Amino acid sequence: MRALGVFGLGRNNVDLKEASDRVKSWVRQSLSLPCNAAVTVSEINCRDVRCPGVETAILIMGAGEPTRLVKIPRPLKDVQLSDLEAALQ
């Protein structure tokens, strides 16, 4: 029998959770976000021919601020700090 991961079955979900936490931390540090700002990180599999296939979508939400969407055209586990820095500019 397989052990349950954080969000479901298998190690892959644990890896995605760790990658998501890493990217969230980079976002918070890079933008010096207050603790009440919300950051979500999702891996999206876009089937539109104009999309890169799998991309990482980051939503940054602060009180009284418009929500900001940042997209990185690579799978979440492959996102590097340099990718995020380029996307935030």
Protein backbone atom coordinates (compact mmCIF):
# COMPACT_ATOMS: atom_id res chain seq x y z
CA MET A 1 0.00 0.00 0.00
CA ARG A 2 1.27 3.51 -0.85
CA ALA A 3 1.64 6.21 1.78
CA LEU A 4 -0.48 9.33 1.43
CA GLY A 5 1.26 12.56 0.50
CA VAL A 6 0.30 16.00 1.77
CA PHE A 7 -2.38 16.64 -0.90
CA GLY A 8 -3.09 13.13 -2.13
CA LEU A 9 -1.24 10.03 -3.15
CA GLY A 10 2.46 9.81 -3.79
CA ARG A 11 5.67 11.78 -3.58
CA ASN A 12 4.84 14.05 -6.55
CA ASN A 13 2.27 15.97 -4.49
CA VAL A 14 4.77 16.48 -1.67
CA ASP A 15 7.29 17.78 -4.22
CA LEU A 16 4.71 20.26 -5.58
CA LYS A 17 3.87 21.45 -2.05
CA GLU A 18 7.57 22.02 -1.30
CA ALA A 19 8.04 23.87 -4.61
CA SER A 20 4.96 25.99 -3.94
CA ASP A 21 6.20 26.93 -0.47
CA ARG A 22 9.63 27.81 -1.90
CA VAL A 23 8.14 30.10 -4.58
CA LYS A 24 5.78 31.75 -2.07
CA SER A 25 8.75 32.52 0.17
CA TRP A 26 10.66 34.06 -2.76
CA VAL A 27 7.64 36.21 -3.68
CA ARG A 28 7.26 37.48 -0.12
CA GLN A 29 10.96 38.29 0.15
CA SER A 30 11.28 39.83 -3.32
CA LEU A 31 8.31 42.16 -2.83
CA SER A 32 8.74 42.72 0.93
CA LEU A 33 5.09 41.78 1.39
CA PRO A 34 3.34 42.40 4.70
CA CYS A 35 2.24 39.33 6.64
CA ASN A 36 -1.44 39.95 5.77
CA ALA A 37 -0.79 39.71 2.01
CA ALA A 38 -1.91 36.45 0.43
CA VAL A 39 0.16 34.58 -2.15
CA THR A 40 -1.10 31.58 -4.09
CA VAL A 41 0.99 29.44 -6.41
CA SER A 42 -0.60 27.03 -8.89
CA GLU A 43 0.63 24.83 -11.69
CA ILE A 44 -1.68 25.17 -14.68
CA ASN A 45 -1.87 22.76 -17.61
CA CYS A 46 -3.11 25.00 -20.42
CA ARG A 47 -4.49 23.20 -23.46
CA ASP A 48 -4.70 26.33 -25.62
CA VAL A 49 -2.18 26.20 -28.50
CA ARG A 50 -0.97 29.70 -27.56
CA CYS A 51 0.04 28.54 -24.07
CA PRO A 52 3.41 27.03 -23.16
CA GLY A 53 1.71 23.85 -21.94
CA VAL A 54 2.42 23.73 -18.22
CA GLU A 55 2.93 27.08 -16.52
CA THR A 56 3.12 28.42 -13.00
CA ALA A 57 0.58 31.06 -12.00
CA ILE A 58 1.18 33.25 -8.96
CA LEU A 59 -1.51 35.48 -7.44
CA ILE A 60 -0.45 38.25 -5.07
CA MET A 61 -3.29 39.78 -3.04
CA GLY A 62 -2.90 42.64 -0.61
CA ALA A 63 -5.55 44.49 1.35
CA GLY A 64 -6.78 47.46 -0.66
CA GLU A 65 -4.54 46.55 -3.61
CA PRO A 66 -5.51 45.06 -6.97
CA THR A 67 -4.69 41.38 -7.31
CA ARG A 68 -1.54 40.80 -9.34
CA LEU A 69 -1.13 37.77 -11.59
CA VAL A 70 2.37 36.61 -12.51
CA LYS A 71 2.90 33.73 -14.95
CA ILE A 72 6.07 31.74 -15.46
CA PRO A 73 6.08 29.46 -18.54
CA ARG A 74 7.47 26.36 -16.85
CA PRO A 75 6.33 23.69 -14.40
CA LEU A 76 6.28 24.72 -10.74
CA LYS A 77 9.05 22.30 -9.73
CA ASP A 78 11.36 23.87 -12.34
CA VAL A 79 10.84 27.52 -11.33
CA GLN A 80 14.06 29.23 -10.27
CA LEU A 81 14.49 32.48 -8.37
CA SER A 82 15.78 34.13 -11.56
CA ASP A 83 12.51 33.16 -13.35
CA LEU A 84 10.50 34.83 -10.62
CA GLU A 85 12.65 37.96 -10.60
CA ALA A 86 12.25 38.33 -14.37
CA ALA A 87 8.48 37.78 -14.15
CA LEU A 88 8.08 40.37 -11.38
CA GLN A 89 9.66 43.16 -13.46
